[in-house]
C-alpha atoms as a PDB file:
ATOM      1  CA  MET A   1     -93.087   2.362  32.853  1.00  0.00           C
ATOM      2  CA  SER A   2     -96.800   2.631  32.184  1.00  0.00           C
ATOM      3  CA  ARG A   3     -99.124   0.755  34.509  1.00  0.00           C
ATOM      4  CA  PRO A   4    -100.004  -2.838  33.516  1.00  0.00           C
ATOM      5  CA  ASN A   5    -103.703  -1.936  33.199  1.00  0.00           C
ATOM      6  CA  ASP A   6    -103.221   1.654  32.081  1.00  0.00           C
ATOM      7  CA  PRO A   7    -106.027   2.640  29.660  1.00  0.00           C
ATOM      8  CA  LEU A   8    -103.583   5.082  28.085  1.00  0.00           C
ATOM      9  CA  ASP A   9    -100.297   3.658  26.816  1.00  0.00           C
ATOM     10  CA  THR A  10     -97.773   6.140  28.160  1.00  0.00           C
ATOM     11  CA  TYR A  11     -94.755   3.913  27.578  1.00  0.00           C
ATOM     12  CA  LEU A  12     -93.259   5.895  24.682  1.00  0.00           C
ATOM     13  CA  LEU A  13     -93.830   9.160  26.504  1.00  0.00           C
ATOM     14  CA  ARG A  14     -92.046   7.818  29.578  1.00  0.00           C
ATOM     15  CA  VAL A  15     -89.170   6.544  27.456  1.00  0.00           C
ATOM     16  CA  LEU A  16     -88.951   9.967  25.812  1.00  0.00           C
ATOM     17  CA  VAL A  17     -88.691  11.823  29.122  1.00  0.00           C
ATOM     18  CA  THR A  18     -86.236   9.340  30.607  1.00  0.00           C
ATOM     19  CA  LEU A  19     -84.032   9.307  27.506  1.00  0.00           C
ATOM     20  CA  LEU A  20     -83.863  13.086  27.239  1.00  0.00           C
ATOM     21  CA  THR A  21     -83.069  13.283  30.953  1.00  0.00           C
ATOM     22  CA  GLU A  22     -80.485  10.499  31.271  1.00  0.00           C
ATOM     23  CA  ARG A  23     -79.081  10.712  27.711  1.00  0.00           C
ATOM     24  CA  ASN A  24     -77.839   7.135  28.092  1.00  0.00           C
ATOM     25  CA  LEU A  25     -79.626   4.083  26.711  1.00  0.00           C
ATOM     26  CA  THR A  26     -78.131   1.686  29.257  1.00  0.00           C
ATOM     27  CA  LYS A  27     -79.192   3.816  32.224  1.00  0.00           C
ATOM     28  CA  VAL A  28     -82.679   4.212  30.782  1.00  0.00           C
ATOM     29  CA  ALA A  29     -83.001   0.447  30.294  1.00  0.00           C
ATOM     30  CA  ILE A  30     -82.005  -0.182  33.925  1.00  0.00           C
ATOM     31  CA  ARG A  31     -84.237   2.571  35.262  1.00  0.00           C
ATOM     32  CA  MET A  32     -87.266   1.360  33.313  1.00  0.00           C
ATOM     33  CA  ASN A  33     -86.545  -2.348  33.808  1.00  0.00           C
ATOM     34  CA  GLN A  34     -86.345  -2.901  30.050  1.00  0.00           C
ATOM     35  CA  SER A  35     -83.773  -4.410  27.721  1.00  0.00           C
ATOM     36  CA  GLN A  36     -81.472  -2.065  25.836  1.00  0.00           C
ATOM     37  CA  PRO A  37     -82.793  -3.261  22.435  1.00  0.00           C
ATOM     38  CA  ALA A  38     -86.317  -2.384  23.611  1.00  0.00           C
ATOM     39  CA  ILE A  39     -85.219   1.136  24.517  1.00  0.00           C
ATOM     40  CA  SER A  40     -83.386   1.462  21.192  1.00  0.00           C
ATOM     41  CA  ALA A  41     -86.553   0.408  19.365  1.00  0.00           C
ATOM     42  CA  ALA A  42     -88.591   2.937  21.330  1.00  0.00           C
ATOM     43  CA  LEU A  43     -86.104   5.682  20.458  1.00  0.00           C
ATOM     44  CA  HIS A  44     -86.418   4.739  16.798  1.00  0.00           C
ATOM     45  CA  LYS A  45     -90.221   5.119  17.017  1.00  0.00           C
ATOM     46  CA  LEU A  46     -89.891   8.439  18.810  1.00  0.00           C
ATOM     47  CA  ARG A  47     -87.551   9.752  16.118  1.00  0.00           C
ATOM     48  CA  LEU A  48     -90.163   8.870  13.490  1.00  0.00           C
ATOM     49  CA  VAL A  49     -92.941  10.520  15.492  1.00  0.00           C
ATOM     50  CA  PHE A  50     -91.052  13.773  16.039  1.00  0.00           C
ATOM     51  CA  GLN A  51     -89.150  13.619  12.721  1.00  0.00           C
ATOM     52  CA  ASP A  52     -86.007  14.470  14.637  1.00  0.00           C
ATOM     53  CA  GLU A  53     -83.030  12.563  16.045  1.00  0.00           C
ATOM     54  CA  LEU A  54     -83.815  13.835  19.575  1.00  0.00           C
ATOM     55  CA  LEU A  55     -80.497  12.405  20.834  1.00  0.00           C
ATOM     56  CA  VAL A  56     -77.229  12.420  18.893  1.00  0.00           C
ATOM     57  CA  ARG A  57     -73.765  11.189  19.773  1.00  0.00           C
ATOM     58  CA  SER A  58     -71.085  13.736  20.621  1.00  0.00           C
ATOM     59  CA  GLY A  59     -67.803  12.021  21.380  1.00  0.00           C
ATOM     60  CA  ASN A  60     -68.457   9.445  24.102  1.00  0.00           C
ATOM     61  CA  ALA A  61     -71.716  11.054  25.215  1.00  0.00           C
ATOM     62  CA  MET A  62     -75.235  11.576  23.905  1.00  0.00           C
ATOM     63  CA  VAL A  63     -76.558  15.117  23.643  1.00  0.00           C
ATOM     64  CA  THR A  64     -80.082  16.424  23.168  1.00  0.00           C
ATOM     65  CA  THR A  65     -80.983  18.098  19.888  1.00  0.00           C
ATOM     66  CA  PRO A  66     -82.696  21.511  19.970  1.00  0.00           C
ATOM     67  CA  ARG A  67     -85.986  19.767  19.173  1.00  0.00           C
ATOM     68  CA  GLY A  68     -85.399  17.310  22.016  1.00  0.00           C
ATOM     69  CA  GLN A  69     -84.765  20.124  24.461  1.00  0.00           C
ATOM     70  CA  GLU A  70     -87.917  21.813  23.225  1.00  0.00           C
ATOM     71  CA  VAL A  71     -90.218  18.834  23.840  1.00  0.00           C
ATOM     72  CA  LEU A  72     -88.753  17.680  27.177  1.00  0.00           C
ATOM     73  CA  GLY A  73     -90.582  20.189  29.378  1.00  0.00           C
ATOM     74  CA  SER A  74     -93.921  19.625  27.653  1.00  0.00           C
ATOM     75  CA  ALA A  75     -93.496  15.855  27.838  1.00  0.00           C
ATOM     76  CA  ARG A  76     -92.802  16.023  31.590  1.00  0.00           C
ATOM     77  CA  ASN A  77     -95.867  18.164  32.154  1.00  0.00           C
ATOM     78  CA  ALA A  78     -98.008  15.832  30.053  1.00  0.00           C
ATOM     79  CA  LEU A  79     -96.879  12.796  32.050  1.00  0.00           C
ATOM     80  CA  ALA A  80     -97.540  14.570  35.330  1.00  0.00           C
ATOM     81  CA  GLU A  81    -101.070  15.453  34.218  1.00  0.00           C
ATOM     82  CA  ILE A  82    -101.747  11.898  33.016  1.00  0.00           C
ATOM     83  CA  ASP A  83    -100.518  10.425  36.306  1.00  0.00           C
ATOM     84  CA  ARG A  84    -102.611  12.925  38.230  1.00  0.00           C
ATOM     85  CA  LEU A  85    -105.663  12.062  36.106  1.00  0.00           C
ATOM     86  CA  PHE A  86    -105.573   8.398  37.114  1.00  0.00           C
ATOM     87  CA  THR A  87    -104.794   8.994  40.762  1.00  0.00           C
ATOM     88  CA  LEU A  88    -107.612  11.457  41.417  1.00  0.00           C
ATOM     89  CA  GLY A  89    -109.893   9.970  44.021  1.00  0.00           C
ATOM     90  CA  GLU A  90    -107.595   7.022  44.669  1.00  0.00           C
ATOM     91  CA  VAL A  91    -106.787   6.175  48.283  1.00  0.00           C
ATOM     92  CA  PHE A  92    -103.081   5.515  48.692  1.00  0.00           C
ATOM     93  CA  ASP A  93    -102.401   2.085  50.170  1.00  0.00           C
ATOM     94  CA  PRO A  94     -98.759   1.217  50.910  1.00  0.00           C
ATOM     95  CA  LEU A  95     -99.535  -2.500  50.854  1.00  0.00           C
ATOM     96  CA  THR A  96    -100.683  -2.440  47.223  1.00  0.00           C
ATOM     97  CA  THR A  97     -98.875   0.514  45.673  1.00  0.00           C
ATOM     98  CA  GLN A  98     -96.371  -0.102  42.892  1.00  0.00           C
ATOM     99  CA  GLN A  99     -95.160   3.489  42.905  1.00  0.00           C
ATOM    100  CA  LEU A 100     -91.548   4.383  42.199  1.00  0.00           C
ATOM    101  CA  PHE A 101     -90.135   6.697  44.868  1.00  0.00           C
ATOM    102  CA  LYS A 102     -87.122   8.758  43.797  1.00  0.00           C
ATOM    103  CA  ILE A 103     -84.785  10.021  46.511  1.00  0.00           C
ATOM    104  CA  GLY A 104     -81.712  12.197  46.101  1.00  0.00           C
ATOM    105  CA  CYS A 105     -79.243  11.272  48.818  1.00  0.00           C
ATOM    106  CA  PRO A 106     -75.722  12.403  49.751  1.00  0.00           C
ATOM    107  CA  ASP A 107     -73.049   9.770  50.066  1.00  0.00           C
ATOM    108  CA  SER A 108     -72.772  10.190  53.839  1.00  0.00           C
ATOM    109  CA  MET A 109     -76.362   9.031  54.281  1.00  0.00           C
ATOM    110  CA  SER A 110     -76.513   6.400  51.550  1.00  0.00           C
ATOM    111  CA  THR A 111     -73.490   4.479  52.860  1.00  0.00           C
ATOM    112  CA  THR A 112     -74.666   4.179  56.455  1.00  0.00           C
ATOM    113  CA  VAL A 113     -77.488   2.441  58.217  1.00  0.00           C
ATOM    114  CA  PHE A 114     -79.969   5.185  57.301  1.00  0.00           C
ATOM    115  CA  LEU A 115     -80.752   4.054  53.784  1.00  0.00           C
ATOM    116  CA  ALA A 116     -80.606   0.411  54.848  1.00  0.00           C
ATOM    117  CA  GLY A 117     -83.338   1.239  57.358  1.00  0.00           C
ATOM    118  CA  VAL A 118     -85.377   2.983  54.673  1.00  0.00           C
ATOM    119  CA  VAL A 119     -85.167  -0.074  52.420  1.00  0.00           C
ATOM    120  CA  LYS A 120     -86.223  -2.406  55.246  1.00  0.00           C
ATOM    121  CA  ASP A 121     -89.209  -0.258  56.219  1.00  0.00           C
ATOM    122  CA  LEU A 122     -90.218   0.226  52.599  1.00  0.00           C
ATOM    123  CA  HIS A 123     -90.056  -3.503  51.917  1.00  0.00           C
ATOM    124  CA  ARG A 124     -92.080  -4.251  55.055  1.00  0.00           C
ATOM    125  CA  GLN A 125     -94.753  -1.586  54.641  1.00  0.00           C
ATOM    126  CA  ALA A 126     -94.926  -1.347  50.836  1.00  0.00           C
ATOM    127  CA  PRO A 127     -93.630  -4.653  49.405  1.00  0.00           C
ATOM    128  CA  ASN A 128     -94.526  -3.772  45.810  1.00  0.00           C
ATOM    129  CA  ALA A 129     -93.153  -0.228  45.798  1.00  0.00           C
ATOM    130  CA  ARG A 130     -89.870   0.617  44.098  1.00  0.00           C
ATOM    131  CA  LEU A 131     -87.081   2.912  45.218  1.00  0.00           C
ATOM    132  CA  MET A 132     -84.499   4.767  43.149  1.00  0.00           C
ATOM    133  CA  VAL A 133     -81.630   6.549  44.933  1.00  0.00           C
ATOM    134  CA  HIS A 134     -79.907   9.296  42.953  1.00  0.00           C
ATOM    135  CA  PRO A 135     -76.476  10.583  44.043  1.00  0.00           C
ATOM    136  CA  LEU A 136     -76.095  14.304  44.679  1.00  0.00           C
ATOM    137  CA  GLY A 137     -72.865  14.917  42.820  1.00  0.00           C
ATOM    138  CA  PRO A 138     -71.115  18.194  41.994  1.00  0.00           C
ATOM    139  CA  GLY A 139     -73.053  20.140  39.404  1.00  0.00           C
ATOM    140  CA  TYR A 140     -76.277  18.173  39.849  1.00  0.00           C
ATOM    141  CA  ASN A 141     -79.169  20.617  40.040  1.00  0.00           C
ATOM    142  CA  PHE A 142     -81.356  18.879  42.608  1.00  0.00           C
ATOM    143  CA  GLU A 143     -83.684  21.887  42.900  1.00  0.00           C
ATOM    144  CA  GLN A 144     -84.569  21.612  39.225  1.00  0.00           C
ATOM    145  CA  ALA A 145     -84.863  17.829  39.546  1.00  0.00           C
ATOM    146  CA  LEU A 146     -87.446  18.291  42.317  1.00  0.00           C
ATOM    147  CA  ALA A 147     -89.348  20.859  40.263  1.00  0.00           C
ATOM    148  CA  ASP A 148     -89.347  18.589  37.189  1.00  0.00           C
ATOM    149  CA  GLY A 149     -90.398  15.491  39.109  1.00  0.00           C
ATOM    150  CA  GLU A 150     -87.118  13.652  38.475  1.00  0.00           C
ATOM    151  CA  LEU A 151     -86.769  13.426  42.270  1.00  0.00           C
ATOM    152  CA  ASP A 152     -89.487  13.232  44.910  1.00  0.00           C
ATOM    153  CA  VAL A 153     -87.423  14.001  48.006  1.00  0.00           C
ATOM    154  CA  VAL A 154     -83.858  15.147  48.589  1.00  0.00           C
ATOM    155  CA  ILE A 155     -81.964  14.457  51.803  1.00  0.00           C
ATOM    156  CA  GLY A 156     -79.510  17.245  52.545  1.00  0.00           C
ATOM    157  CA  ASN A 157     -77.294  18.705  55.212  1.00  0.00           C
ATOM    158  CA  TRP A 158     -76.386  22.118  53.846  1.00  0.00           C
ATOM    159  CA  PRO A 159     -76.210  24.908  56.452  1.00  0.00           C
ATOM    160  CA  GLU A 160     -78.605  27.023  54.377  1.00  0.00           C
ATOM    161  CA  PRO A 161     -81.224  24.883  52.602  1.00  0.00           C
ATOM    162  CA  PRO A 162     -83.215  26.456  49.742  1.00  0.00           C
ATOM    163  CA  GLU A 163     -85.919  28.690  51.192  1.00  0.00           C
ATOM    164  CA  HIS A 164     -88.440  28.139  48.394  1.00  0.00           C
ATOM    165  CA  LEU A 165     -88.715  24.388  49.021  1.00  0.00           C
ATOM    166  CA  HIS A 166     -90.543  22.509  51.781  1.00  0.00           C
ATOM    167  CA  ILE A 167     -88.345  21.165  54.551  1.00  0.00           C
ATOM    168  CA  ALA A 168     -88.644  18.834  57.538  1.00  0.00           C
ATOM    169  CA  PRO A 169     -85.848  17.718  59.898  1.00  0.00           C
ATOM    170  CA  LEU A 170     -84.599  14.145  59.988  1.00  0.00           C
ATOM    171  CA  LEU A 171     -81.777  14.125  62.530  1.00  0.00           C
ATOM    172  CA  GLU A 172     -78.903  16.164  63.892  1.00  0.00           C
ATOM    173  CA  ASP A 173     -75.447  14.875  64.690  1.00  0.00           C
ATOM    174  CA  GLU A 174     -72.140  16.155  66.021  1.00  0.00           C
ATOM    175  CA  MET A 175     -68.929  16.303  64.005  1.00  0.00           C
ATOM    176  CA  VAL A 176     -66.092  13.955  64.998  1.00  0.00           C
ATOM    177  CA  CYS A 177     -62.762  12.833  63.568  1.00  0.00           C
ATOM    178  CA  LEU A 178     -62.398   9.375  62.067  1.00  0.00           C
ATOM    179  CA  MET A 179     -58.865   7.951  61.767  1.00  0.00           C
ATOM    180  CA  ALA A 180     -56.850   4.754  61.897  1.00  0.00           C
ATOM    181  CA  ALA A 181     -56.866   3.157  65.342  1.00  0.00           C
ATOM    182  CA  ASN A 182     -53.046   3.296  65.418  1.00  0.00           C
ATOM    183  CA  ASN A 183     -52.909   6.966  64.416  1.00  0.00           C
ATOM    184  CA  PRO A 184     -50.911   8.845  67.108  1.00  0.00           C
ATOM    185  CA  LEU A 185     -53.685  11.448  67.234  1.00  0.00           C
ATOM    186  CA  ALA A 186     -56.093   8.739  68.392  1.00  0.00           C
ATOM    187  CA  ARG A 187     -54.244   8.652  71.733  1.00  0.00           C
ATOM    188  CA  GLY A 188     -54.937  11.404  74.228  1.00  0.00           C
ATOM    189  CA  THR A 189     -56.682  14.685  73.426  1.00  0.00           C
ATOM    190  CA  MET A 190     -56.076  16.157  69.982  1.00  0.00           C
ATOM    191  CA  THR A 191     -55.341  19.889  70.033  1.00  0.00           C
ATOM    192  CA  ARG A 192     -56.652  22.471  67.597  1.00  0.00           C
ATOM    193  CA  GLU A 193     -53.135  22.975  66.180  1.00  0.00           C
ATOM    194  CA  GLN A 194     -52.662  19.241  65.659  1.00  0.00           C
ATOM    195  CA  TYR A 195     -56.025  19.053  63.927  1.00  0.00           C
ATOM    196  CA  LEU A 196     -55.331  21.925  61.522  1.00  0.00           C
ATOM    197  CA  HIS A 197     -51.837  20.691  60.627  1.00  0.00           C
ATOM    198  CA  ALA A 198     -52.773  17.042  60.195  1.00  0.00           C
ATOM    199  CA  ALA A 199     -53.359  15.646  56.708  1.00  0.00           C
ATOM    200  CA  HIS A 200     -57.095  15.565  55.970  1.00  0.00           C
ATOM    201  CA  ILE A 201     -59.273  13.651  53.572  1.00  0.00           C
ATOM    202  CA  VAL A 202     -62.045  15.945  52.351  1.00  0.00           C
ATOM    203  CA  PRO A 203     -65.049  15.292  50.084  1.00  0.00           C
ATOM    204  CA  LEU A 204     -66.019  17.093  46.949  1.00  0.00           C
ATOM    205  CA  HIS A 205     -68.977  19.370  47.627  1.00  0.00           C
ATOM    206  CA  SER A 206     -72.245  17.534  47.132  1.00  0.00           C
ATOM    207  CA  SER A 207     -73.689  20.667  45.559  1.00  0.00           C
ATOM    208  CA  SER A 208     -72.014  23.360  43.493  1.00  0.00           C
ATOM    209  CA  THR A 209     -74.311  26.011  44.987  1.00  0.00           C
ATOM    210  CA  HIS A 210     -74.160  25.153  48.692  1.00  0.00           C
ATOM    211  CA  ARG A 211     -71.020  25.437  50.800  1.00  0.00           C
ATOM    212  CA  GLY A 212     -70.309  22.657  53.298  1.00  0.00           C
ATOM    213  CA  LEU A 213     -70.711  23.115  57.033  1.00  0.00           C
ATOM    214  CA  ILE A 214     -67.025  22.458  57.769  1.00  0.00           C
ATOM    215  CA  ASP A 215     -65.590  24.821  55.180  1.00  0.00           C
ATOM    216  CA  LYS A 216     -68.041  27.547  56.105  1.00  0.00           C
ATOM    217  CA  HIS A 217     -67.202  27.309  59.812  1.00  0.00           C
ATOM    218  CA  LEU A 218     -63.437  27.277  59.229  1.00  0.00           C
ATOM    219  CA  ALA A 219     -63.756  30.323  56.980  1.00  0.00           C
ATOM    220  CA  GLN A 220     -65.562  32.162  59.774  1.00  0.00           C
ATOM    221  CA  LEU A 221     -62.663  31.278  62.108  1.00  0.00           C
ATOM    222  CA  ARG A 222     -60.196  32.429  59.415  1.00  0.00           C
ATOM    223  CA  VAL A 223     -58.313  29.148  59.485  1.00  0.00           C
ATOM    224  CA  THR A 224     -57.855  26.331  56.986  1.00  0.00           C
ATOM    225  CA  ARG A 225     -57.226  22.618  57.315  1.00  0.00           C
ATOM    226  CA  ASN A 226     -54.569  20.701  55.450  1.00  0.00           C
ATOM    227  CA  ALA A 227     -56.682  19.085  52.723  1.00  0.00           C
ATOM    228  CA  ARG A 228     -54.408  16.393  51.340  1.00  0.00           C
ATOM    229  CA  ILE A 229     -56.822  13.929  49.701  1.00  0.00           C
ATOM    230  CA  ILE A 230     -60.060  14.886  47.912  1.00  0.00           C
ATOM    231  CA  VAL A 231     -62.590  12.136  47.190  1.00  0.00           C
ATOM    232  CA  PRO A 232     -65.876  12.023  45.267  1.00  0.00           C
ATOM    233  CA  PHE A 233     -67.516   9.396  47.515  1.00  0.00           C
ATOM    234  CA  LEU A 234     -67.412   9.210  51.297  1.00  0.00           C
ATOM    235  CA  SER A 235     -67.597   5.424  51.192  1.00  0.00           C
ATOM    236  CA  MET A 236     -64.028   5.449  49.852  1.00  0.00           C
ATOM    237  CA  VAL A 237     -62.642   7.133  52.961  1.00  0.00           C
ATOM    238  CA  PRO A 238     -62.658   4.462  55.716  1.00  0.00           C
ATOM    239  CA  ASN A 239     -60.349   2.112  53.830  1.00  0.00           C
ATOM    240  CA  MET A 240     -58.053   5.010  52.924  1.00  0.00           C
ATOM    241  CA  LEU A 241     -57.603   5.897  56.578  1.00  0.00           C
ATOM    242  CA  MET A 242     -56.192   2.525  57.604  1.00  0.00           C
ATOM    243  CA  GLY A 243     -52.390   2.458  57.798  1.00  0.00           C
ATOM    244  CA  THR A 244     -52.080   6.248  57.451  1.00  0.00           C
ATOM    245  CA  GLU A 245     -52.065   9.320  59.680  1.00  0.00           C
ATOM    246  CA  LEU A 246     -54.887  10.906  57.694  1.00  0.00           C
ATOM    247  CA  ILE A 247     -58.001  12.117  59.479  1.00  0.00           C
ATOM    248  CA  PHE A 248     -61.538  12.653  58.282  1.00  0.00           C
ATOM    249  CA  THR A 249     -64.104  15.002  59.820  1.00  0.00           C
ATOM    250  CA  ILE A 250     -67.617  13.605  59.524  1.00  0.00           C
ATOM    251  CA  SER A 251     -70.874  13.077  61.413  1.00  0.00           C
ATOM    252  CA  ARG A 252     -70.737  10.689  64.368  1.00  0.00           C
ATOM    253  CA  HIS A 253     -73.272   8.203  62.968  1.00  0.00           C
ATOM    254  CA  PHE A 254     -71.110   7.757  59.849  1.00  0.00           C
ATOM    255  CA  ALA A 255     -67.881   7.442  61.855  1.00  0.00           C
ATOM    256  CA  GLU A 256     -69.224   4.964  64.392  1.00  0.00           C
ATOM    257  CA  HIS A 257     -70.770   2.819  61.672  1.00  0.00           C
ATOM    258  CA  TYR A 258     -67.357   2.198  60.085  1.00  0.00           C
ATOM    259  CA  ALA A 259     -65.441   2.084  63.382  1.00  0.00           C
ATOM    260  CA  ARG A 260     -67.552  -0.961  64.301  1.00  0.00           C
ATOM    261  CA  MET A 261     -66.358  -2.785  61.173  1.00  0.00           C
ATOM    262  CA  LEU A 262     -62.768  -1.588  60.644  1.00  0.00           C
ATOM    263  CA  PRO A 263     -59.719  -0.803  62.842  1.00  0.00           C
ATOM    264  CA  LEU A 264     -60.652   2.859  63.074  1.00  0.00           C
ATOM    265  CA  ALA A 265     -61.009   5.278  65.973  1.00  0.00           C
ATOM    266  CA  VAL A 266     -63.588   8.002  66.567  1.00  0.00           C
ATOM    267  CA  VAL A 267     -61.963  11.022  68.219  1.00  0.00           C
ATOM    268  CA  LYS A 268     -63.518  14.196  69.591  1.00  0.00           C
ATOM    269  CA  CYS A 269     -62.929  17.108  67.231  1.00  0.00           C
ATOM    270  CA  PRO A 270     -61.049  20.063  68.791  1.00  0.00           C
ATOM    271  CA  ILE A 271     -62.928  22.509  66.557  1.00  0.00           C
ATOM    272  CA  ASP A 272     -66.343  23.318  67.965  1.00  0.00           C
ATOM    273  CA  TYR A 273     -68.332  22.759  64.784  1.00  0.00           C
ATOM    274  CA  PRO A 274     -72.086  23.371  64.807  1.00  0.00           C
ATOM    275  CA  LEU A 275     -74.275  20.301  64.822  1.00  0.00           C
ATOM    276  CA  MET A 276     -74.862  18.833  61.384  1.00  0.00           C
ATOM    277  CA  HIS A 277     -78.569  18.903  60.537  1.00  0.00           C
ATOM    278  CA  PHE A 278     -79.953  16.379  58.084  1.00  0.00           C
ATOM    279  CA  TYR A 279     -83.346  17.165  56.600  1.00  0.00           C
ATOM    280  CA  GLN A 280     -85.628  16.207  53.751  1.00  0.00           C
ATOM    281  CA  ILE A 281     -86.761  18.739  51.184  1.00  0.00           C
ATOM    282  CA  TRP A 282     -89.375  18.528  48.467  1.00  0.00           C
ATOM    283  CA  HIS A 283     -91.237  20.646  45.949  1.00  0.00           C
ATOM    284  CA  SER A 284     -94.749  22.024  46.323  1.00  0.00           C
ATOM    285  CA  ARG A 285     -95.930  19.687  43.565  1.00  0.00           C
ATOM    286  CA  ASN A 286     -95.740  16.799  46.068  1.00  0.00           C
ATOM    287  CA  GLN A 287     -96.879  18.646  49.187  1.00  0.00           C
ATOM    288  CA  ARG A 288    -100.447  17.268  49.172  1.00  0.00           C
ATOM    289  CA  SER A 289     -99.743  13.838  47.691  1.00  0.00           C
ATOM    290  CA  ASP A 290    -100.720  11.047  50.087  1.00  0.00           C
ATOM    291  CA  ALA A 291     -98.040   8.781  48.625  1.00  0.00           C
ATOM    292  CA  HIS A 292     -95.301  11.331  49.119  1.00  0.00           C
ATOM    293  CA  ARG A 293     -96.499  12.274  52.574  1.00  0.00           C
ATOM    294  CA  TRP A 294     -96.294   8.598  53.491  1.00  0.00           C
ATOM    295  CA  MET A 295     -92.780   8.282  52.033  1.00  0.00           C
ATOM    296  CA  ARG A 296     -91.611  11.327  53.961  1.00  0.00           C
ATOM    297  CA  SER A 297     -93.036   9.817  57.148  1.00  0.00           C
ATOM    298  CA  VAL A 298     -90.997   6.650  56.513  1.00  0.00           C
ATOM    299  CA  LEU A 299     -87.812   8.731  56.242  1.00  0.00           C
ATOM    300  CA  THR A 300     -88.649  10.479  59.502  1.00  0.00           C
ATOM    301  CA  GLU A 301     -89.345   7.207  61.320  1.00  0.00           C
ATOM    302  CA  VAL A 302     -86.045   5.681  60.193  1.00  0.00           C
ATOM    303  CA  ALA A 303     -84.119   8.783  61.296  1.00  0.00           C
ATOM    304  CA  ASN A 304     -85.794   8.652  64.716  1.00  0.00           C
ATOM    305  CA  LYS A 305     -84.689   5.035  65.114  1.00  0.00           C
ATOM    306  CA  LEU A 306     -81.150   5.882  64.061  1.00  0.00           C
ATOM    307  CA  ILE A 307     -80.652   8.662  66.615  1.00  0.00           C
ATOM    308  CA  PRO A 308     -83.825   8.548  68.761  1.00  0.00           C
ATOM    309  CA  LYS A 309     -82.812  11.181  71.293  1.00  0.00           C
ATOM    310  CA  GLN A 310     -82.471  14.042  68.835  1.00  0.00           C
ATOM    311  CA  ALA A 311     -84.511  17.151  69.590  1.00  0.00           C
ATOM    312  CA  ASN A 312     -84.292  18.701  66.116  1.00  0.00           C
ATOM    313  CA  GLN A 313     -85.706  22.024  67.274  1.00  0.00           C
ATOM    314  CA  ASP A 314     -83.725  24.254  64.919  1.00  0.00           C
ATOM    315  CA  LEU A 315     -85.596  23.382  61.729  1.00  0.00           C
ATOM    316  CA  PRO A 316     -89.293  23.892  60.988  1.00  0.00           C
ATOM    317  CA  ARG A 317     -91.576  20.883  61.067  1.00  0.00           C
ATOM    318  CA  GLU A 318     -93.442  19.729  57.999  1.00  0.00           C
ATOM    319  CA  SER A 319     -96.513  21.814  57.372  1.00  0.00           C
ATOM    320  CA  PRO A 320     -99.848  20.028  57.083  1.00  0.00           C
END
């Protein structure tokens, strides 16, 4: 939304960009903290201004018209320039900022204590700031979202992060097996053969363009695991494991978080997987922003509290 005391009313422009991005009136209303009738009224005004429908229904979804696609990029750029105009010379103060921070986060991080720690620190240090967490689902182009300003920071764990984006490490963690506490494989030492032949729960890739650490390593070993259940969200897995002989290969901080709450066991993995590196990445457009530098420092601080003994030497540090 536009600022309460904004000398330029950017509300319609912000509705335009959000509508053409989300293509869903309900989501836009939630994201902008408005009622759905208010967003519908704004869309009606925008259609009159541009003399075009901008969004039209196609089956159960809304699609952008050619004119809508044409104006989206220019509208984003215009908003970015307006925001930059009114922040020039301002000193960022976490205690008073009302900024919306937009983070893209994989399910493995968003369902554990990491994001809970981020929320606590954000609420303590910047009580008026807002946070939006966007899932990184299959087919979601997070690189374009960073470039367009739809996301400020993305938290990832791909073995080969995009080289053209800025990167800073958060934490590294070993891979373990999570399973029901009464799973026979939870007793004794699990062998490589038992691991490969066991029934596995595996996640959908969080990015269509980046192969997961586990699949990449197994391919290098020229072996495959018995993928029996495929899930879109990692938070679904712990409850699925109970009462079965399924196993799930995941980072230790995720596994131990759920093993403390449910009758699950964390077992050493017989495959020597590389450490899983979690890092934050962002676009050059936010490299010099004091607000975004502060937000990135919050993410780093929370990660250090989560696994304080990590060395994180394998990834480059954030450049000044």
